[in-house]
Amino acid sequence: MRLFVTSVLAEEPWKYDSKVVPMPWRQSEADVIKNKISSKGLTIGFYNCDGVVLPHPPILRGVETVVSTLKKAGHDVFPWTPYKHDYAVNLINGIYAGDGGTDVFDTLKQSGEPAIPNFADLINPSLPKIDMNELWDVQLKKWAYQSEYLEQFRLAEETLGKEIDAIVAPITPTAAVRHNQFKYYGYASAINLLDFTSVVVPVTWADKSVDKKQEDFKPLGDMDKIVQAECKFAFLSQRLLSNEF
């Protein structure tokens, strides 16, 4: 991560993109984090469910692996309550579909490539386009949500008595799915709506001998029911991917 960031900043991208803030690599800031890690550790929140879709067992185990490892390393890890992630997912889905799929489908026409079935979940030509006033209204809602989420950070930091350094969370609720069966984007899209800096770190592998499906689990909603139904196919997909690729 350090190599990537320093390499990009070394090219001074603000000279070529007016939206990029002129901010060279600051070693002093990196040293502050390094010293914090070595002296008293980081303060890290975590959640393993956004309240809409419960991740499959391998994902839950992955989050727990990270949390337990951080604790053993001396970091202060605490549960983070996702704030209105269901609202965030609905809001950003509306943004994705705001142009009725025109941009994506115009690009596909140029290549002659057909749309994959999963597109129908978010964008398709039959969706209505929003007008300019609706677009501004959506952007105001996005800004308001970002402000509310920031307030949640401030309240949590007041309770903890220190600054929060990061949040650990799933990136998707599944380890692997069948083609065209990826139905829930919420874990990633909520973070995209917030414009948070984020990185995905591979943690472990699905293991059918360890990751057992909760047979008595009651779905959190209709989407959760659909995602949980794919759990029985996850280990087969993971095995095929690991053997063939």
Protein backbone atom coordinates (compact mmCIF):
# COMPACT_ATOMS: atom_id res chain seq x y z
CA MET A 1 0.00 0.00 0.00
CA ARG A 2 2.84 2.36 0.84
CA LEU A 3 4.60 1.57 -2.45
CA PHE A 4 1.41 2.18 -4.43
CA VAL A 5 0.61 5.52 -2.78
CA THR A 6 4.14 6.88 -2.89
CA SER A 7 4.47 5.85 -6.55
CA VAL A 8 1.25 7.60 -7.54
CA LEU A 9 2.02 10.77 -5.58
CA ALA A 10 5.53 10.87 -7.02
CA GLU A 11 3.93 11.57 -10.41
CA GLU A 12 2.22 14.67 -8.97
CA PRO A 13 -1.25 13.84 -10.33
CA TRP A 14 -2.62 17.25 -9.27
CA LYS A 15 -0.80 18.69 -12.28
CA TYR A 16 -3.07 16.68 -14.58
CA ASP A 17 -6.36 16.41 -12.70
CA SER A 18 -8.00 19.56 -11.34
CA LYS A 19 -9.92 17.58 -8.72
CA VAL A 20 -6.82 16.13 -7.07
CA VAL A 21 -5.62 17.96 -3.95
CA PRO A 22 -1.88 18.82 -4.10
CA MET A 23 -0.68 16.59 -1.28
CA PRO A 24 2.76 14.95 -1.60
CA TRP A 25 3.68 11.93 0.51
CA ARG A 26 4.14 13.05 4.10
CA GLN A 27 6.58 10.77 5.86
CA SER A 28 5.94 12.58 9.15
CA GLU A 29 2.30 11.43 9.05
CA ALA A 30 3.37 7.86 8.29
CA ASP A 31 5.76 7.99 11.22
CA VAL A 32 2.96 9.09 13.55
CA ILE A 33 0.93 6.00 12.65
CA LYS A 34 3.99 3.76 12.93
CA ASN A 35 4.79 5.11 16.39
CA LYS A 36 1.17 4.77 17.45
CA ILE A 37 1.12 1.12 16.42
CA SER A 38 4.34 0.33 18.26
CA SER A 39 3.50 2.27 21.43
CA LYS A 40 -0.21 1.96 22.28
CA GLY A 41 -1.82 0.34 19.27
CA LEU A 42 -4.64 1.42 16.99
CA THR A 43 -8.32 1.87 17.78
CA ILE A 44 -10.30 -0.22 15.30
CA GLY A 45 -14.03 -0.80 14.98
CA PHE A 46 -15.53 -3.84 13.30
CA TYR A 47 -18.84 -5.30 12.18
CA ASN A 48 -19.68 -8.59 10.52
CA CYS A 49 -23.26 -7.82 9.48
CA ASP A 50 -24.77 -4.65 8.05
CA GLY A 51 -28.26 -5.51 9.28
CA VAL A 52 -29.52 -6.30 5.77
CA VAL A 53 -27.70 -9.48 4.71
CA LEU A 54 -25.77 -11.82 7.01
CA PRO A 55 -22.50 -12.96 5.39
CA HIS A 56 -21.88 -16.64 4.78
CA PRO A 57 -19.88 -18.58 7.43
CA PRO A 58 -16.46 -18.19 5.72
CA ILE A 59 -16.86 -14.40 5.71
CA LEU A 60 -17.89 -14.34 9.36
CA ARG A 61 -14.87 -16.46 10.22
CA GLY A 62 -12.65 -14.15 8.19
CA VAL A 63 -13.77 -11.09 10.14
CA GLU A 64 -13.35 -12.95 13.43
CA THR A 65 -9.83 -14.00 12.38
CA VAL A 66 -8.87 -10.37 11.76
CA VAL A 67 -10.46 -9.17 15.00
CA SER A 68 -8.81 -11.82 17.19
CA THR A 69 -5.43 -11.24 15.52
CA LEU A 70 -5.66 -7.48 16.08
CA LYS A 71 -6.55 -7.99 19.73
CA LYS A 72 -3.61 -10.36 20.24
CA ALA A 73 -1.34 -7.74 18.69
CA GLY A 74 -2.45 -5.23 21.34
CA HIS A 75 -4.87 -3.09 19.36
CA ASP A 76 -8.10 -1.78 20.87
CA VAL A 77 -10.91 -3.39 18.87
CA PHE A 78 -14.56 -2.56 19.49
CA PRO A 79 -17.92 -3.40 17.83
CA TRP A 80 -19.14 -0.80 15.35
CA THR A 81 -22.86 -0.47 14.65
CA PRO A 82 -23.50 0.15 10.92
CA TYR A 83 -25.55 3.33 10.63
CA LYS A 84 -28.58 3.11 8.31
CA HIS A 85 -26.79 0.90 5.80
CA ASP A 86 -30.13 -0.24 4.39
CA TYR A 87 -30.93 3.41 3.59
CA ALA A 88 -27.47 3.88 2.08
CA VAL A 89 -27.85 0.88 -0.21
CA ASN A 90 -31.24 2.02 -1.46
CA LEU A 91 -29.93 5.54 -2.04
CA ILE A 92 -26.86 4.52 -4.02
CA ASN A 93 -28.82 1.97 -6.05
CA GLY A 94 -31.01 4.87 -7.16
CA ILE A 95 -27.88 6.82 -8.11
CA TYR A 96 -26.54 3.91 -10.13
CA ALA A 97 -29.82 3.71 -12.05
CA GLY A 98 -30.31 7.47 -12.32
CA ASP A 99 -29.70 7.59 -16.07
CA GLY A 100 -31.84 4.55 -16.79
CA GLY A 101 -28.75 2.59 -17.73
CA THR A 102 -28.07 4.81 -20.76
CA ASP A 103 -24.32 5.23 -20.20
CA VAL A 104 -23.60 1.54 -19.65
CA PHE A 105 -25.81 0.27 -22.44
CA ASP A 106 -24.50 2.84 -24.95
CA THR A 107 -20.99 1.60 -24.21
CA LEU A 108 -22.07 -2.02 -24.62
CA LYS A 109 -23.62 -1.22 -27.99
CA GLN A 110 -20.27 0.12 -29.21
CA SER A 111 -18.55 -3.16 -28.40
CA GLY A 112 -21.40 -5.44 -29.38
CA GLU A 113 -21.02 -7.18 -26.04
CA PRO A 114 -24.30 -8.31 -24.42
CA ALA A 115 -25.21 -7.19 -20.92
CA ILE A 116 -24.67 -9.79 -18.22
CA PRO A 117 -27.87 -10.89 -16.43
CA ASN A 118 -26.75 -9.30 -13.15
CA PHE A 119 -27.15 -5.86 -14.72
CA ALA A 120 -30.89 -6.27 -14.42
CA ASP A 121 -30.58 -6.03 -10.64
CA LEU A 122 -29.26 -2.47 -10.76
CA ILE A 123 -29.63 -0.99 -14.23
CA ASN A 124 -31.67 -1.74 -17.32
CA PRO A 125 -33.17 0.29 -20.15
CA SER A 126 -36.67 0.05 -18.69
CA LEU A 127 -35.74 2.06 -15.58
CA PRO A 128 -36.96 5.68 -15.57
CA LYS A 129 -34.37 8.46 -15.74
CA ILE A 130 -34.37 11.09 -13.03
CA ASP A 131 -34.50 14.77 -13.96
CA MET A 132 -32.10 17.52 -12.89
CA ASN A 133 -34.03 18.48 -9.76
CA GLU A 134 -34.21 14.86 -8.66
CA LEU A 135 -30.48 14.51 -9.27
CA TRP A 136 -29.67 17.45 -7.01
CA ASP A 137 -32.05 16.08 -4.39
CA VAL A 138 -30.25 12.74 -4.45
CA GLN A 139 -26.88 14.46 -4.05
CA LEU A 140 -28.20 16.42 -1.06
CA LYS A 141 -29.40 13.17 0.51
CA LYS A 142 -25.97 11.67 -0.09
CA TRP A 143 -24.25 14.62 1.57
CA ALA A 144 -26.69 14.53 4.51
CA TYR A 145 -26.02 10.82 5.03
CA GLN A 146 -22.26 11.35 4.92
CA SER A 147 -22.64 14.08 7.55
CA GLU A 148 -24.77 11.83 9.75
CA TYR A 149 -22.24 9.02 9.51
CA LEU A 150 -19.43 11.40 10.42
CA GLU A 151 -21.43 12.36 13.50
CA GLN A 152 -21.56 8.67 14.47
CA PHE A 153 -17.76 8.65 14.41
CA ARG A 154 -17.61 11.75 16.61
CA LEU A 155 -20.06 10.26 19.13
CA ALA A 156 -18.14 6.99 19.25
CA GLU A 157 -14.86 8.80 19.75
CA GLU A 158 -16.33 10.80 22.62
CA THR A 159 -17.35 7.55 24.26
CA LEU A 160 -14.00 5.87 23.63
CA GLY A 161 -12.02 8.95 24.55
CA LYS A 162 -9.78 8.61 21.49
CA GLU A 163 -9.74 8.73 17.72
CA ILE A 164 -10.93 5.81 15.60
CA ASP A 165 -8.24 4.69 13.15
CA ALA A 166 -10.15 2.23 10.97
CA ILE A 167 -13.18 -0.01 10.57
CA VAL A 168 -12.93 -3.70 9.66
CA ALA A 169 -15.88 -5.12 7.73
CA PRO A 170 -16.78 -7.62 4.99
CA ILE A 171 -16.54 -6.48 1.37
CA THR A 172 -19.22 -8.97 0.22
CA PRO A 173 -21.47 -11.42 2.08
CA THR A 174 -20.19 -14.40 0.08
CA ALA A 175 -16.91 -16.17 -0.60
CA ALA A 176 -17.99 -17.39 -4.03
CA VAL A 177 -21.25 -17.65 -5.93
CA ARG A 178 -22.54 -19.22 -9.12
CA HIS A 179 -22.45 -17.16 -12.29
CA ASN A 180 -25.08 -14.40 -12.33
CA GLN A 181 -26.08 -15.10 -8.74
CA PHE A 182 -24.27 -12.21 -7.07
CA LYS A 183 -27.28 -10.34 -5.73
CA TYR A 184 -26.17 -8.05 -2.90
CA TYR A 185 -23.64 -5.26 -3.36
CA GLY A 186 -24.45 -3.45 -0.12
CA TYR A 187 -21.24 -4.06 1.80
CA ALA A 188 -19.22 -2.29 -0.90
CA SER A 189 -21.78 0.22 -2.15
CA ALA A 190 -22.48 1.73 1.29
CA ILE A 191 -18.77 2.53 1.64
CA ASN A 192 -18.74 3.95 -1.89
CA LEU A 193 -21.62 6.25 -0.96
CA LEU A 194 -19.63 7.50 2.02
CA ASP A 195 -16.55 8.15 -0.15
CA PHE A 196 -14.41 6.46 2.49
CA THR A 197 -10.85 5.48 1.74
CA SER A 198 -10.82 1.69 1.73
CA VAL A 199 -8.78 -1.36 0.79
CA VAL A 200 -9.70 -5.03 0.41
CA VAL A 201 -7.40 -7.52 2.14
CA PRO A 202 -7.72 -11.28 1.42
CA VAL A 203 -7.90 -13.16 4.71
CA THR A 204 -8.48 -16.90 4.41
CA TRP A 205 -10.13 -19.68 2.41
CA ALA A 206 -13.59 -21.19 2.65
CA ASP A 207 -13.47 -24.56 4.38
CA LYS A 208 -16.54 -26.79 4.31
CA SER A 209 -15.24 -28.75 7.29
CA VAL A 210 -15.23 -25.61 9.43
CA ASP A 211 -17.73 -23.18 7.93
CA LYS A 212 -21.10 -24.73 8.65
CA LYS A 213 -24.32 -23.13 7.51
CA GLN A 214 -26.66 -22.06 10.30
CA GLU A 215 -29.62 -24.29 9.56
CA ASP A 216 -31.89 -22.55 12.07
CA PHE A 217 -31.05 -19.05 10.83
CA LYS A 218 -34.03 -16.82 10.07
CA PRO A 219 -33.42 -14.43 7.14
CA LEU A 220 -33.24 -10.74 7.95
CA GLY A 221 -35.35 -9.98 4.88
CA ASP A 222 -36.09 -10.98 1.30
CA MET A 223 -32.59 -10.18 0.03
CA ASP A 224 -31.00 -12.08 2.90
CA LYS A 225 -33.15 -15.11 2.05
CA ILE A 226 -31.87 -15.05 -1.55
CA VAL A 227 -28.22 -14.71 -0.48
CA GLN A 228 -28.45 -17.42 2.17
CA ALA A 229 -29.89 -19.83 -0.40
CA GLU A 230 -26.58 -19.58 -2.28
CA CYS A 231 -24.60 -20.75 0.74
CA LYS A 232 -24.88 -24.41 -0.27
CA PHE A 233 -23.18 -23.65 -3.60
CA ALA A 234 -20.36 -21.56 -2.16
CA PHE A 235 -17.99 -24.39 -1.25
CA LEU A 236 -18.36 -26.07 -4.63
CA SER A 237 -17.58 -22.78 -6.39
CA GLN A 238 -14.58 -22.12 -4.15
CA ARG A 239 -13.21 -25.60 -4.74
CA LEU A 240 -13.53 -25.30 -8.51
CA LEU A 241 -11.83 -21.91 -8.54
CA SER A 242 -8.91 -23.04 -6.39
CA ASN A 243 -8.34 -26.21 -8.43
CA GLU A 244 -8.73 -24.78 -11.91
CA PHE A 245 -7.07 -21.42 -11.55
